[in-house]
Amino acid sequence: MNPQPPMRWTRLTPQQALRALLASGVLLAALPIAAAPTLAACSWNQPGYNPFTGDPVAAVDRYQDIAPLVRARLKARMARRAYDEIVTIGRDAILGKARYGAEIRDMHFGAAQVCRTVDRSAWAA
């Protein structure tokens, strides 16, 4: 496998952005996810390596801190791809129409892995 060069910005498809937002807490404030093993920290310094392969709509049910009716409305909007916005994720920022913190937490990777904190420090500034 050839290592990828550090990236300044990564353009994501709407589905990738939604997965990142779900995982980061930008879209949702997440509690620990019981259905997947949780690691304390992971590197995301090779975007696209070991991507989340689950169903992002179904993943909403893992966020038990969100009221059931709110989760149902969110899942319906996600299924219709009725997103509030698409963001650009960089090393030190998450940029969009709204203001977001730079931290990404509780991000899904692979088939069933969740990382409590996500490191993007090797990305170009």
PDB file of N, CA and C in Angstrom:
ATOM      1  N   MET A   1       0.843  -1.181   0.000  1.00  0.00           N
ATOM      2  CA  MET A   1       0.000   0.000   0.000  1.00  0.00           C
ATOM      3  C   MET A   1       0.883   1.237   0.000  1.00  0.00           C
ATOM      4  N   ASN A   2       0.628   2.153  -0.892  1.00  0.00           N
ATOM      5  CA  ASN A   2       1.384   3.393  -0.970  1.00  0.00           C
ATOM      6  C   ASN A   2       0.802   4.409  -0.004  1.00  0.00           C
ATOM      7  N   PRO A   3       1.635   5.025   0.841  1.00  0.00           N
ATOM      8  CA  PRO A   3       1.091   6.052   1.738  1.00  0.00           C
ATOM      9  C   PRO A   3       0.629   7.259   0.928  1.00  0.00           C
ATOM     10  N   GLN A   4      -0.460   7.849   1.383  1.00  0.00           N
ATOM     11  CA  GLN A   4      -0.994   9.030   0.719  1.00  0.00           C
ATOM     12  C   GLN A   4      -0.294  10.263   1.269  1.00  0.00           C
ATOM     13  N   PRO A   5      -0.068  11.272   0.435  1.00  0.00           N
ATOM     14  CA  PRO A   5       0.539  12.503   0.948  1.00  0.00           C
ATOM     15  C   PRO A   5      -0.444  13.223   1.863  1.00  0.00           C
ATOM     16  N   PRO A   6       0.086  14.003   2.819  1.00  0.00           N
ATOM     17  CA  PRO A   6      -0.815  14.776   3.678  1.00  0.00           C
ATOM     18  C   PRO A   6      -1.704  15.673   2.816  1.00  0.00           C
ATOM     19  N   MET A   7      -2.938  15.866   3.288  1.00  0.00           N
ATOM     20  CA  MET A   7      -3.905  16.648   2.523  1.00  0.00           C
ATOM     21  C   MET A   7      -4.282  17.892   3.311  1.00  0.00           C
ATOM     22  N   ARG A   8      -4.476  18.983   2.595  1.00  0.00           N
ATOM     23  CA  ARG A   8      -4.936  20.196   3.256  1.00  0.00           C
ATOM     24  C   ARG A   8      -6.435  20.120   3.503  1.00  0.00           C
ATOM     25  N   TRP A   9      -7.202  19.813   2.470  1.00  0.00           N
ATOM     26  CA  TRP A   9      -8.649  19.703   2.573  1.00  0.00           C
ATOM     27  C   TRP A   9      -9.074  18.435   1.870  1.00  0.00           C
ATOM     28  N   THR A  10     -10.116  17.853   2.331  1.00  0.00           N
ATOM     29  CA  THR A  10     -10.671  16.674   1.692  1.00  0.00           C
ATOM     30  C   THR A  10     -12.104  16.987   1.310  1.00  0.00           C
ATOM     31  N   ARG A  11     -12.408  16.878   0.027  1.00  0.00           N
ATOM     32  CA  ARG A  11     -13.790  17.030  -0.433  1.00  0.00           C
ATOM     33  C   ARG A  11     -14.499  15.706  -0.203  1.00  0.00           C
ATOM     34  N   LEU A  12     -15.646  15.767   0.440  1.00  0.00           N
ATOM     35  CA  LEU A  12     -16.393  14.559   0.751  1.00  0.00           C
ATOM     36  C   LEU A  12     -17.694  14.536  -0.023  1.00  0.00           C
ATOM     37  N   THR A  13     -18.129  13.336  -0.353  1.00  0.00           N
ATOM     38  CA  THR A  13     -19.464  13.191  -0.923  1.00  0.00           C
ATOM     39  C   THR A  13     -20.463  13.480   0.190  1.00  0.00           C
ATOM     40  N   PRO A  14     -21.718  13.742  -0.145  1.00  0.00           N
ATOM     41  CA  PRO A  14     -22.698  13.980   0.918  1.00  0.00           C
ATOM     42  C   PRO A  14     -22.757  12.837   1.936  1.00  0.00           C
ATOM     43  N   GLN A  15     -22.673  11.591   1.477  1.00  0.00           N
ATOM     44  CA  GLN A  15     -22.737  10.464   2.399  1.00  0.00           C
ATOM     45  C   GLN A  15     -21.512  10.439   3.309  1.00  0.00           C
ATOM     46  N   GLN A  16     -20.312  10.686   2.771  1.00  0.00           N
ATOM     47  CA  GLN A  16     -19.104  10.725   3.589  1.00  0.00           C
ATOM     48  C   GLN A  16     -19.171  11.866   4.598  1.00  0.00           C
ATOM     49  N   ALA A  17     -19.644  13.017   4.170  1.00  0.00           N
ATOM     50  CA  ALA A  17     -19.746  14.154   5.072  1.00  0.00           C
ATOM     51  C   ALA A  17     -20.732  13.860   6.200  1.00  0.00           C
ATOM     52  N   LEU A  18     -21.857  13.246   5.861  1.00  0.00           N
ATOM     53  CA  LEU A  18     -22.838  12.910   6.881  1.00  0.00           C
ATOM     54  C   LEU A  18     -22.249  11.933   7.877  1.00  0.00           C
ATOM     55  N   ARG A  19     -21.533  10.935   7.385  1.00  0.00           N
ATOM     56  CA  ARG A  19     -20.898   9.983   8.300  1.00  0.00           C
ATOM     57  C   ARG A  19     -19.919  10.692   9.218  1.00  0.00           C
ATOM     58  N   ALA A  20     -19.122  11.594   8.666  1.00  0.00           N
ATOM     59  CA  ALA A  20     -18.164  12.335   9.478  1.00  0.00           C
ATOM     60  C   ALA A  20     -18.876  13.219  10.490  1.00  0.00           C
ATOM     61  N   LEU A  21     -19.943  13.867  10.064  1.00  0.00           N
ATOM     62  CA  LEU A  21     -20.698  14.726  10.973  1.00  0.00           C
ATOM     63  C   LEU A  21     -21.352  13.924  12.082  1.00  0.00           C
ATOM     64  N   LEU A  22     -21.937  12.779  11.723  1.00  0.00           N
ATOM     65  CA  LEU A  22     -22.531  11.927  12.745  1.00  0.00           C
ATOM     66  C   LEU A  22     -21.487  11.524  13.767  1.00  0.00           C
ATOM     67  N   ALA A  23     -20.334  11.147  13.287  1.00  0.00           N
ATOM     68  CA  ALA A  23     -19.292  10.668  14.163  1.00  0.00           C
ATOM     69  C   ALA A  23     -18.669  11.779  14.979  1.00  0.00           C
ATOM     70  N   SER A  24     -18.588  12.965  14.428  1.00  0.00           N
ATOM     71  CA  SER A  24     -17.860  14.051  15.076  1.00  0.00           C
ATOM     72  C   SER A  24     -18.655  14.752  16.158  1.00  0.00           C
ATOM     73  N   GLY A  25     -19.943  14.565  16.185  1.00  0.00           N
ATOM     74  CA  GLY A  25     -20.744  15.317  17.123  1.00  0.00           C
ATOM     75  C   GLY A  25     -21.096  16.686  16.579  1.00  0.00           C
ATOM     76  N   VAL A  26     -20.652  17.027  15.351  1.00  0.00           N
ATOM     77  CA  VAL A  26     -21.050  18.293  14.736  1.00  0.00           C
ATOM     78  C   VAL A  26     -22.560  18.271  14.540  1.00  0.00           C
ATOM     79  N   LEU A  27     -23.069  17.142  14.077  1.00  0.00           N
ATOM     80  CA  LEU A  27     -24.495  17.004  13.841  1.00  0.00           C
ATOM     81  C   LEU A  27     -25.206  16.539  15.103  1.00  0.00           C
ATOM     82  N   LEU A  28     -24.561  15.657  15.836  1.00  0.00           N
ATOM     83  CA  LEU A  28     -25.176  15.060  17.017  1.00  0.00           C
ATOM     84  C   LEU A  28     -24.196  15.049  18.178  1.00  0.00           C
ATOM     85  N   ALA A  29     -24.684  15.206  19.370  1.00  0.00           N
ATOM     86  CA  ALA A  29     -23.842  14.998  20.542  1.00  0.00           C
ATOM     87  C   ALA A  29     -23.958  13.532  20.906  1.00  0.00           C
ATOM     88  N   ALA A  30     -22.896  12.789  20.761  1.00  0.00           N
ATOM     89  CA  ALA A  30     -22.962  11.332  20.884  1.00  0.00           C
ATOM     90  C   ALA A  30     -22.582  10.858  22.272  1.00  0.00           C
ATOM     91  N   LEU A  31     -23.251   9.818  22.706  1.00  0.00           N
ATOM     92  CA  LEU A  31     -22.859   9.061  23.883  1.00  0.00           C
ATOM     93  C   LEU A  31     -22.100   7.840  23.400  1.00  0.00           C
ATOM     94  N   PRO A  32     -21.455   7.094  24.285  1.00  0.00           N
ATOM     95  CA  PRO A  32     -20.779   5.885  23.841  1.00  0.00           C
ATOM     96  C   PRO A  32     -21.732   4.983  23.059  1.00  0.00           C
ATOM     97  N   ILE A  33     -21.220   4.371  22.022  1.00  0.00           N
ATOM     98  CA  ILE A  33     -22.020   3.548  21.133  1.00  0.00           C
ATOM     99  C   ILE A  33     -21.824   2.097  21.517  1.00  0.00           C
ATOM    100  N   ALA A  34     -22.858   1.474  22.041  1.00  0.00           N
ATOM    101  CA  ALA A  34     -22.749   0.128  22.580  1.00  0.00           C
ATOM    102  C   ALA A  34     -22.531  -0.929  21.509  1.00  0.00           C
ATOM    103  N   ALA A  35     -22.994  -0.725  20.301  1.00  0.00           N
ATOM    104  CA  ALA A  35     -22.952  -1.756  19.276  1.00  0.00           C
ATOM    105  C   ALA A  35     -21.589  -1.897  18.613  1.00  0.00           C
ATOM    106  N   ALA A  36     -20.662  -1.022  18.887  1.00  0.00           N
ATOM    107  CA  ALA A  36     -19.365  -1.076  18.223  1.00  0.00           C
ATOM    108  C   ALA A  36     -18.253  -0.898  19.245  1.00  0.00           C
ATOM    109  N   PRO A  37     -17.105  -1.586  19.029  1.00  0.00           N
ATOM    110  CA  PRO A  37     -15.993  -1.367  19.936  1.00  0.00           C
ATOM    111  C   PRO A  37     -15.499   0.069  19.835  1.00  0.00           C
ATOM    112  N   THR A  38     -15.181   0.670  20.971  1.00  0.00           N
ATOM    113  CA  THR A  38     -14.732   2.055  21.002  1.00  0.00           C
ATOM    114  C   THR A  38     -13.262   2.104  21.389  1.00  0.00           C
ATOM    115  N   LEU A  39     -12.473   2.787  20.555  1.00  0.00           N
ATOM    116  CA  LEU A  39     -11.061   2.998  20.828  1.00  0.00           C
ATOM    117  C   LEU A  39     -10.877   4.415  21.354  1.00  0.00           C
ATOM    118  N   ALA A  40      -9.890   4.614  22.203  1.00  0.00           N
ATOM    119  CA  ALA A  40      -9.672   5.934  22.789  1.00  0.00           C
ATOM    120  C   ALA A  40      -9.283   6.968  21.742  1.00  0.00           C
ATOM    121  N   ALA A  41      -8.425   6.598  20.783  1.00  0.00           N
ATOM    122  CA  ALA A  41      -7.962   7.550  19.775  1.00  0.00           C
ATOM    123  C   ALA A  41      -7.587   6.804  18.506  1.00  0.00           C
ATOM    124  N   CYS A  42      -7.785   7.464  17.368  1.00  0.00           N
ATOM    125  CA  CYS A  42      -7.438   6.892  16.071  1.00  0.00           C
ATOM    126  C   CYS A  42      -6.871   7.995  15.177  1.00  0.00           C
ATOM    127  N   SER A  43      -6.061   7.585  14.234  1.00  0.00           N
ATOM    128  CA  SER A  43      -5.523   8.496  13.241  1.00  0.00           C
ATOM    129  C   SER A  43      -6.428   8.495  12.019  1.00  0.00           C
ATOM    130  N   TRP A  44      -6.706   9.689  11.489  1.00  0.00           N
ATOM    131  CA  TRP A  44      -7.428   9.815  10.224  1.00  0.00           C
ATOM    132  C   TRP A  44      -6.497  10.520   9.239  1.00  0.00           C
ATOM    133  N   ASN A  45      -5.240  10.154   9.300  1.00  0.00           N
ATOM    134  CA  ASN A  45      -4.246  10.800   8.468  1.00  0.00           C
ATOM    135  C   ASN A  45      -4.160  10.206   7.075  1.00  0.00           C
ATOM    136  N   GLN A  46      -4.959   9.200   6.793  1.00  0.00           N
ATOM    137  CA  GLN A  46      -5.085   8.651   5.446  1.00  0.00           C
ATOM    138  C   GLN A  46      -6.581   8.557   5.125  1.00  0.00           C
ATOM    139  N   PRO A  47      -7.217   9.688   4.777  1.00  0.00           N
ATOM    140  CA  PRO A  47      -8.648   9.664   4.468  1.00  0.00           C
ATOM    141  C   PRO A  47      -8.947   8.628   3.394  1.00  0.00           C
ATOM    142  N   GLY A  48     -10.004   7.895   3.584  1.00  0.00           N
ATOM    143  CA  GLY A  48     -10.381   6.856   2.638  1.00  0.00           C
ATOM    144  C   GLY A  48      -9.899   5.482   3.049  1.00  0.00           C
ATOM    145  N   TYR A  49      -8.907   5.404   3.947  1.00  0.00           N
ATOM    146  CA  TYR A  49      -8.427   4.122   4.434  1.00  0.00           C
ATOM    147  C   TYR A  49      -9.358   3.658   5.550  1.00  0.00           C
ATOM    148  N   ASN A  50      -9.827   2.446   5.476  1.00  0.00           N
ATOM    149  CA  ASN A  50     -10.728   1.854   6.470  1.00  0.00           C
ATOM    150  C   ASN A  50     -11.988   2.706   6.679  1.00  0.00           C
ATOM    151  N   PRO A  51     -12.710   3.023   5.604  1.00  0.00           N
ATOM    152  CA  PRO A  51     -13.905   3.869   5.738  1.00  0.00           C
ATOM    153  C   PRO A  51     -15.047   3.137   6.446  1.00  0.00           C
ATOM    154  N   PHE A  52     -15.929   3.919   7.039  1.00  0.00           N
ATOM    155  CA  PHE A  52     -17.137   3.374   7.650  1.00  0.00           C
ATOM    156  C   PHE A  52     -17.942   2.662   6.575  1.00  0.00           C
ATOM    157  N   THR A  53     -18.324   1.424   6.833  1.00  0.00           N
ATOM    158  CA  THR A  53     -19.054   0.638   5.835  1.00  0.00           C
ATOM    159  C   THR A  53     -20.480   0.334   6.264  1.00  0.00           C
ATOM    160  N   GLY A  54     -20.889   0.873   7.382  1.00  0.00           N
ATOM    161  CA  GLY A  54     -22.249   0.628   7.860  1.00  0.00           C
ATOM    162  C   GLY A  54     -23.250   1.561   7.214  1.00  0.00           C
ATOM    163  N   ASP A  55     -24.473   1.477   7.671  1.00  0.00           N
ATOM    164  CA  ASP A  55     -25.574   2.299   7.181  1.00  0.00           C
ATOM    165  C   ASP A  55     -25.698   3.530   8.076  1.00  0.00           C
ATOM    166  N   PRO A  56     -25.388   4.732   7.555  1.00  0.00           N
ATOM    167  CA  PRO A  56     -25.448   5.915   8.424  1.00  0.00           C
ATOM    168  C   PRO A  56     -26.841   6.192   8.963  1.00  0.00           C
ATOM    169  N   VAL A  57     -27.873   5.856   8.228  1.00  0.00           N
ATOM    170  CA  VAL A  57     -29.240   6.064   8.729  1.00  0.00           C
ATOM    171  C   VAL A  57     -29.484   5.170   9.940  1.00  0.00           C
ATOM    172  N   ALA A  58     -29.130   3.903   9.827  1.00  0.00           N
ATOM    173  CA  ALA A  58     -29.309   2.974  10.948  1.00  0.00           C
ATOM    174  C   ALA A  58     -28.429   3.353  12.137  1.00  0.00           C
ATOM    175  N   ALA A  59     -27.265   3.943  11.875  1.00  0.00           N
ATOM    176  CA  ALA A  59     -26.343   4.318  12.955  1.00  0.00           C
ATOM    177  C   ALA A  59     -26.944   5.348  13.901  1.00  0.00           C
ATOM    178  N   VAL A  60     -27.919   6.107  13.446  1.00  0.00           N
ATOM    179  CA  VAL A  60     -28.552   7.117  14.306  1.00  0.00           C
ATOM    180  C   VAL A  60     -29.173   6.461  15.540  1.00  0.00           C
ATOM    181  N   ASP A  61     -29.657   5.238  15.412  1.00  0.00           N
ATOM    182  CA  ASP A  61     -30.279   4.562  16.553  1.00  0.00           C
ATOM    183  C   ASP A  61     -29.294   4.288  17.679  1.00  0.00           C
ATOM    184  N   ARG A  62     -28.021   4.342  17.408  1.00  0.00           N
ATOM    185  CA  ARG A  62     -27.017   4.115  18.452  1.00  0.00           C
ATOM    186  C   ARG A  62     -26.877   5.315  19.378  1.00  0.00           C
ATOM    187  N   TYR A  63     -27.380   6.477  18.956  1.00  0.00           N
ATOM    188  CA  TYR A  63     -27.272   7.690  19.763  1.00  0.00           C
ATOM    189  C   TYR A  63     -28.507   7.805  20.657  1.00  0.00           C
ATOM    190  N   GLN A  64     -28.455   7.092  21.781  1.00  0.00           N
ATOM    191  CA  GLN A  64     -29.599   7.005  22.674  1.00  0.00           C
ATOM    192  C   GLN A  64     -29.884   8.293  23.428  1.00  0.00           C
ATOM    193  N   ASP A  65     -28.984   9.274  23.350  1.00  0.00           N
ATOM    194  CA  ASP A  65     -29.229  10.558  24.009  1.00  0.00           C
ATOM    195  C   ASP A  65     -30.181  11.423  23.197  1.00  0.00           C
ATOM    196  N   ILE A  66     -30.505  11.009  21.990  1.00  0.00           N
ATOM    197  CA  ILE A  66     -31.455  11.730  21.144  1.00  0.00           C
ATOM    198  C   ILE A  66     -32.817  11.079  21.322  1.00  0.00           C
ATOM    199  N   ALA A  67     -33.827  11.883  21.573  1.00  0.00           N
ATOM    200  CA  ALA A  67     -35.179  11.367  21.787  1.00  0.00           C
ATOM    201  C   ALA A  67     -35.628  10.520  20.589  1.00  0.00           C
ATOM    202  N   PRO A  68     -36.370   9.447  20.832  1.00  0.00           N
ATOM    203  CA  PRO A  68     -36.796   8.555  19.748  1.00  0.00           C
ATOM    204  C   PRO A  68     -37.505   9.256  18.595  1.00  0.00           C
ATOM    205  N   LEU A  69     -38.392  10.223  18.874  1.00  0.00           N
ATOM    206  CA  LEU A  69     -39.095  10.919  17.788  1.00  0.00           C
ATOM    207  C   LEU A  69     -38.137  11.784  16.971  1.00  0.00           C
ATOM    208  N   VAL A  70     -37.164  12.397  17.632  1.00  0.00           N
ATOM    209  CA  VAL A  70     -36.170  13.213  16.925  1.00  0.00           C
ATOM    210  C   VAL A  70     -35.303  12.307  16.052  1.00  0.00           C
ATOM    211  N   ARG A  71     -34.895  11.152  16.598  1.00  0.00           N
ATOM    212  CA  ARG A  71     -34.108  10.199  15.799  1.00  0.00           C
ATOM    213  C   ARG A  71     -34.896   9.758  14.574  1.00  0.00           C
ATOM    214  N   ALA A  72     -36.172   9.494  14.727  1.00  0.00           N
ATOM    215  CA  ALA A  72     -36.999   9.054  13.600  1.00  0.00           C
ATOM    216  C   ALA A  72     -37.077  10.136  12.523  1.00  0.00           C
ATOM    217  N   ARG A  73     -37.266  11.399  12.939  1.00  0.00           N
ATOM    218  CA  ARG A  73     -37.311  12.496  11.960  1.00  0.00           C
ATOM    219  C   ARG A  73     -35.968  12.665  11.263  1.00  0.00           C
ATOM    220  N   LEU A  74     -34.877  12.572  12.029  1.00  0.00           N
ATOM    221  CA  LEU A  74     -33.542  12.693  11.450  1.00  0.00           C
ATOM    222  C   LEU A  74     -33.283  11.570  10.448  1.00  0.00           C
ATOM    223  N   LYS A  75     -33.635  10.351  10.811  1.00  0.00           N
ATOM    224  CA  LYS A  75     -33.424   9.212   9.911  1.00  0.00           C
ATOM    225  C   LYS A  75     -34.232   9.372   8.619  1.00  0.00           C
ATOM    226  N   ALA A  76     -35.450   9.880   8.725  1.00  0.00           N
ATOM    227  CA  ALA A  76     -36.273  10.088   7.525  1.00  0.00           C
ATOM    228  C   ALA A  76     -35.633  11.126   6.613  1.00  0.00           C
ATOM    229  N   ARG A  77     -35.126  12.204   7.195  1.00  0.00           N
ATOM    230  CA  ARG A  77     -34.448  13.240   6.388  1.00  0.00           C
ATOM    231  C   ARG A  77     -33.183  12.684   5.751  1.00  0.00           C
ATOM    232  N   MET A  78     -32.436  11.908   6.505  1.00  0.00           N
ATOM    233  CA  MET A  78     -31.213  11.310   5.969  1.00  0.00           C
ATOM    234  C   MET A  78     -31.528  10.359   4.817  1.00  0.00           C
ATOM    235  N   ALA A  79     -32.557   9.571   4.974  1.00  0.00           N
ATOM    236  CA  ALA A  79     -32.940   8.638   3.912  1.00  0.00           C
ATOM    237  C   ALA A  79     -33.317   9.386   2.634  1.00  0.00           C
ATOM    238  N   ARG A  80     -33.903  10.577   2.776  1.00  0.00           N
ATOM    239  CA  ARG A  80     -34.266  11.408   1.612  1.00  0.00           C
ATOM    240  C   ARG A  80     -33.084  12.254   1.136  1.00  0.00           C
ATOM    241  N   ARG A  81     -31.966  12.173   1.861  1.00  0.00           N
ATOM    242  CA  ARG A  81     -30.781  12.999   1.595  1.00  0.00           C
ATOM    243  C   ARG A  81     -31.103  14.489   1.715  1.00  0.00           C
ATOM    244  N   ALA A  82     -31.932  14.814   2.674  1.00  0.00           N
ATOM    245  CA  ALA A  82     -32.334  16.197   2.941  1.00  0.00           C
ATOM    246  C   ALA A  82     -31.411  16.760   4.030  1.00  0.00           C
ATOM    247  N   TYR A  83     -30.149  16.970   3.669  1.00  0.00           N
ATOM    248  CA  TYR A  83     -29.142  17.424   4.615  1.00  0.00           C
ATOM    249  C   TYR A  83     -29.256  18.927   4.852  1.00  0.00           C
ATOM    250  N   ASP A  84     -28.872  19.356   6.050  1.00  0.00           N
ATOM    251  CA  ASP A  84     -28.834  20.786   6.359  1.00  0.00           C
ATOM    252  C   ASP A  84     -27.727  21.486   5.591  1.00  0.00           C
ATOM    253  N   GLU A  85     -26.565  20.833   5.485  1.00  0.00           N
ATOM    254  CA  GLU A  85     -25.466  21.388   4.718  1.00  0.00           C
ATOM    255  C   GLU A  85     -24.379  20.340   4.554  1.00  0.00           C
ATOM    256  N   ILE A  86     -23.467  20.609   3.639  1.00  0.00           N
ATOM    257  CA  ILE A  86     -22.289  19.783   3.418  1.00  0.00           C
ATOM    258  C   ILE A  86     -21.093  20.621   3.849  1.00  0.00           C
ATOM    259  N   VAL A  87     -20.193  20.039   4.611  1.00  0.00           N
ATOM    260  CA  VAL A  87     -19.039  20.771   5.121  1.00  0.00           C
ATOM    261  C   VAL A  87     -17.752  20.287   4.462  1.00  0.00           C
ATOM    262  N   THR A  88     -16.707  21.083   4.632  1.00  0.00           N
ATOM    263  CA  THR A  88     -15.364  20.710   4.219  1.00  0.00           C
ATOM    264  C   THR A  88     -14.544  20.509   5.484  1.00  0.00           C
ATOM    265  N   ILE A  89     -13.899  19.352   5.590  1.00  0.00           N
ATOM    266  CA  ILE A  89     -13.106  19.041   6.766  1.00  0.00           C
ATOM    267  C   ILE A  89     -11.636  19.217   6.423  1.00  0.00           C
ATOM    268  N   GLY A  90     -10.959  20.054   7.180  1.00  0.00           N
ATOM    269  CA  GLY A  90      -9.522  20.271   7.030  1.00  0.00           C
ATOM    270  C   GLY A  90      -8.794  19.826   8.282  1.00  0.00           C
ATOM    271  N   ARG A  91      -7.499  20.038   8.313  1.00  0.00           N
ATOM    272  CA  ARG A  91      -6.708  19.611   9.467  1.00  0.00           C
ATOM    273  C   ARG A  91      -7.163  20.303  10.748  1.00  0.00           C
ATOM    274  N   ASP A  92      -7.409  21.606  10.660  1.00  0.00           N
ATOM    275  CA  ASP A  92      -7.679  22.391  11.863  1.00  0.00           C
ATOM    276  C   ASP A  92      -9.081  22.981  11.922  1.00  0.00           C
ATOM    277  N   ALA A  93      -9.927  22.614  10.979  1.00  0.00           N
ATOM    278  CA  ALA A  93     -11.256  23.237  10.954  1.00  0.00           C
ATOM    279  C   ALA A  93     -12.257  22.366  10.212  1.00  0.00           C
ATOM    280  N   ILE A  94     -13.522  22.603  10.539  1.00  0.00           N
ATOM    281  CA  ILE A  94     -14.655  22.057   9.792  1.00  0.00           C
ATOM    282  C   ILE A  94     -15.414  23.293   9.323  1.00  0.00           C
ATOM    283  N   LEU A  95     -15.463  23.479   8.010  1.00  0.00           N
ATOM    284  CA  LEU A  95     -16.019  24.702   7.441  1.00  0.00           C
ATOM    285  C   LEU A  95     -17.338  24.435   6.733  1.00  0.00           C
ATOM    286  N   GLY A  96     -18.286  25.324   6.961  1.00  0.00           N
ATOM    287  CA  GLY A  96     -19.587  25.272   6.315  1.00  0.00           C
ATOM    288  C   GLY A  96     -20.286  26.593   6.533  1.00  0.00           C
ATOM    289  N   LYS A  97     -21.573  26.620   6.259  1.00  0.00           N
ATOM    290  CA  LYS A  97     -22.338  27.852   6.484  1.00  0.00           C
ATOM    291  C   LYS A  97     -22.435  28.165   7.974  1.00  0.00           C
ATOM    292  N   ALA A  98     -22.584  27.137   8.781  1.00  0.00           N
ATOM    293  CA  ALA A  98     -22.658  27.312  10.233  1.00  0.00           C
ATOM    294  C   ALA A  98     -21.240  27.297  10.804  1.00  0.00           C
ATOM    295  N   ARG A  99     -21.114  27.596  12.087  1.00  0.00           N
ATOM    296  CA  ARG A  99     -19.817  27.556  12.763  1.00  0.00           C
ATOM    297  C   ARG A  99     -19.703  26.209  13.471  1.00  0.00           C
ATOM    298  N   TYR A 100     -18.558  25.556  13.285  1.00  0.00           N
ATOM    299  CA  TYR A 100     -18.322  24.247  13.889  1.00  0.00           C
ATOM    300  C   TYR A 100     -16.996  24.252  14.620  1.00  0.00           C
ATOM    301  N   GLY A 101     -16.901  23.454  15.678  1.00  0.00           N
ATOM    302  CA  GLY A 101     -15.621  23.219  16.318  1.00  0.00           C
ATOM    303  C   GLY A 101     -14.782  22.307  15.434  1.00  0.00           C
ATOM    304  N   ALA A 102     -13.489  22.303  15.657  1.00  0.00           N
ATOM    305  CA  ALA A 102     -12.580  21.512  14.819  1.00  0.00           C
ATOM    306  C   ALA A 102     -12.486  20.056  15.266  1.00  0.00           C
ATOM    307  N   GLU A 103     -12.847  19.767  16.488  1.00  0.00           N
ATOM    308  CA  GLU A 103     -12.691  18.416  17.021  1.00  0.00           C
ATOM    309  C   GLU A 103     -13.662  17.439  16.353  1.00  0.00           C
ATOM    310  N   ILE A 104     -13.158  16.247  16.067  1.00  0.00           N
ATOM    311  CA  ILE A 104     -14.009  15.145  15.596  1.00  0.00           C
ATOM    312  C   ILE A 104     -13.913  14.058  16.650  1.00  0.00           C
ATOM    313  N   ARG A 105     -15.057  13.582  17.117  1.00  0.00           N
ATOM    314  CA  ARG A 105     -15.064  12.538  18.147  1.00  0.00           C
ATOM    315  C   ARG A 105     -16.148  11.518  17.825  1.00  0.00           C
ATOM    316  N   ASP A 106     -15.983  10.337  18.377  1.00  0.00           N
ATOM    317  CA  ASP A 106     -16.927   9.231  18.195  1.00  0.00           C
ATOM    318  C   ASP A 106     -17.177   8.944  16.719  1.00  0.00           C
ATOM    319  N   MET A 107     -16.100   8.891  15.951  1.00  0.00           N
ATOM    320  CA  MET A 107     -16.194   8.677  14.503  1.00  0.00           C
ATOM    321  C   MET A 107     -16.153   7.195  14.185  1.00  0.00           C
ATOM    322  N   HIS A 108     -17.052   6.777  13.301  1.00  0.00           N
ATOM    323  CA  HIS A 108     -17.088   5.390  12.848  1.00  0.00           C
ATOM    324  C   HIS A 108     -15.997   5.138  11.810  1.00  0.00           C
ATOM    325  N   PHE A 109     -15.326   4.003  11.936  1.00  0.00           N
ATOM    326  CA  PHE A 109     -14.373   3.528  10.948  1.00  0.00           C
ATOM    327  C   PHE A 109     -14.710   2.082  10.646  1.00  0.00           C
ATOM    328  N   GLY A 110     -14.387   1.633   9.462  1.00  0.00           N
ATOM    329  CA  GLY A 110     -14.524   0.219   9.110  1.00  0.00           C
ATOM    330  C   GLY A 110     -15.930  -0.300   9.297  1.00  0.00           C
ATOM    331  N   ALA A 111     -16.020  -1.591   9.576  1.00  0.00           N
ATOM    332  CA  ALA A 111     -17.328  -2.244   9.703  1.00  0.00           C
ATOM    333  C   ALA A 111     -18.000  -1.945  11.036  1.00  0.00           C
ATOM    334  N   ALA A 112     -17.221  -1.860  12.105  1.00  0.00           N
ATOM    335  CA  ALA A 112     -17.843  -1.662  13.421  1.00  0.00           C
ATOM    336  C   ALA A 112     -16.835  -1.134  14.427  1.00  0.00           C
ATOM    337  N   GLN A 113     -16.142  -0.080  14.097  1.00  0.00           N
ATOM    338  CA  GLN A 113     -15.149   0.502  14.980  1.00  0.00           C
ATOM    339  C   GLN A 113     -15.492   1.973  15.187  1.00  0.00           C
ATOM    340  N   VAL A 114     -15.418   2.424  16.427  1.00  0.00           N
ATOM    341  CA  VAL A 114     -15.677   3.821  16.759  1.00  0.00           C
ATOM    342  C   VAL A 114     -14.467   4.363  17.498  1.00  0.00           C
ATOM    343  N   CYS A 115     -14.024   5.545  17.104  1.00  0.00           N
ATOM    344  CA  CYS A 115     -12.869   6.180  17.743  1.00  0.00           C
ATOM    345  C   CYS A 115     -13.329   7.382  18.543  1.00  0.00           C
ATOM    346  N   ARG A 116     -13.016   7.386  19.825  1.00  0.00           N
ATOM    347  CA  ARG A 116     -13.434   8.468  20.725  1.00  0.00           C
ATOM    348  C   ARG A 116     -12.862   9.807  20.256  1.00  0.00           C
ATOM    349  N   THR A 117     -11.558   9.875  19.956  1.00  0.00           N
ATOM    350  CA  THR A 117     -10.964  11.092  19.408  1.00  0.00           C
ATOM    351  C   THR A 117     -10.278  10.741  18.095  1.00  0.00           C
ATOM    352  N   VAL A 118     -10.278  11.683  17.163  1.00  0.00           N
ATOM    353  CA  VAL A 118      -9.759  11.464  15.826  1.00  0.00           C
ATOM    354  C   VAL A 118      -8.648  12.473  15.540  1.00  0.00           C
ATOM    355  N   ASP A 119      -7.489  11.969  15.156  1.00  0.00           N
ATOM    356  CA  ASP A 119      -6.313  12.801  14.908  1.00  0.00           C
ATOM    357  C   ASP A 119      -6.162  13.082  13.414  1.00  0.00           C
ATOM    358  N   ARG A 120      -6.085  14.383  13.051  1.00  0.00           N
ATOM    359  CA  ARG A 120      -5.825  14.791  11.667  1.00  0.00           C
ATOM    360  C   ARG A 120      -4.557  15.618  11.589  1.00  0.00           C
ATOM    361  N   SER A 121      -3.690  15.515  12.573  1.00  0.00           N
ATOM    362  CA  SER A 121      -2.533  16.400  12.696  1.00  0.00           C
ATOM    363  C   SER A 121      -1.532  16.270  11.561  1.00  0.00           C
ATOM    364  N   ALA A 122      -1.487  15.155  10.849  1.00  0.00           N
ATOM    365  CA  ALA A 122      -0.525  14.998   9.752  1.00  0.00           C
ATOM    366  C   ALA A 122      -1.023  15.613   8.451  1.00  0.00           C
ATOM    367  N   TRP A 123      -2.261  16.086   8.410  1.00  0.00           N
ATOM    368  CA  TRP A 123      -2.761  16.754   7.218  1.00  0.00           C
ATOM    369  C   TRP A 123      -2.001  18.067   7.038  1.00  0.00           C
ATOM    370  N   ALA A 124      -1.801  18.479   5.809  1.00  0.00           N
ATOM    371  CA  ALA A 124      -1.151  19.762   5.537  1.00  0.00           C
ATOM    372  C   ALA A 124      -2.020  20.897   6.066  1.00  0.00           C
ATOM    373  N   ALA A 125      -1.383  21.930   6.580  1.00  0.00           N
ATOM    374  CA  ALA A 125      -2.117  23.075   7.135  1.00  0.00           C
ATOM    375  C   ALA A 125      -2.762  23.909   6.053  1.00  0.00           C
TER     376      ALA A 125
END
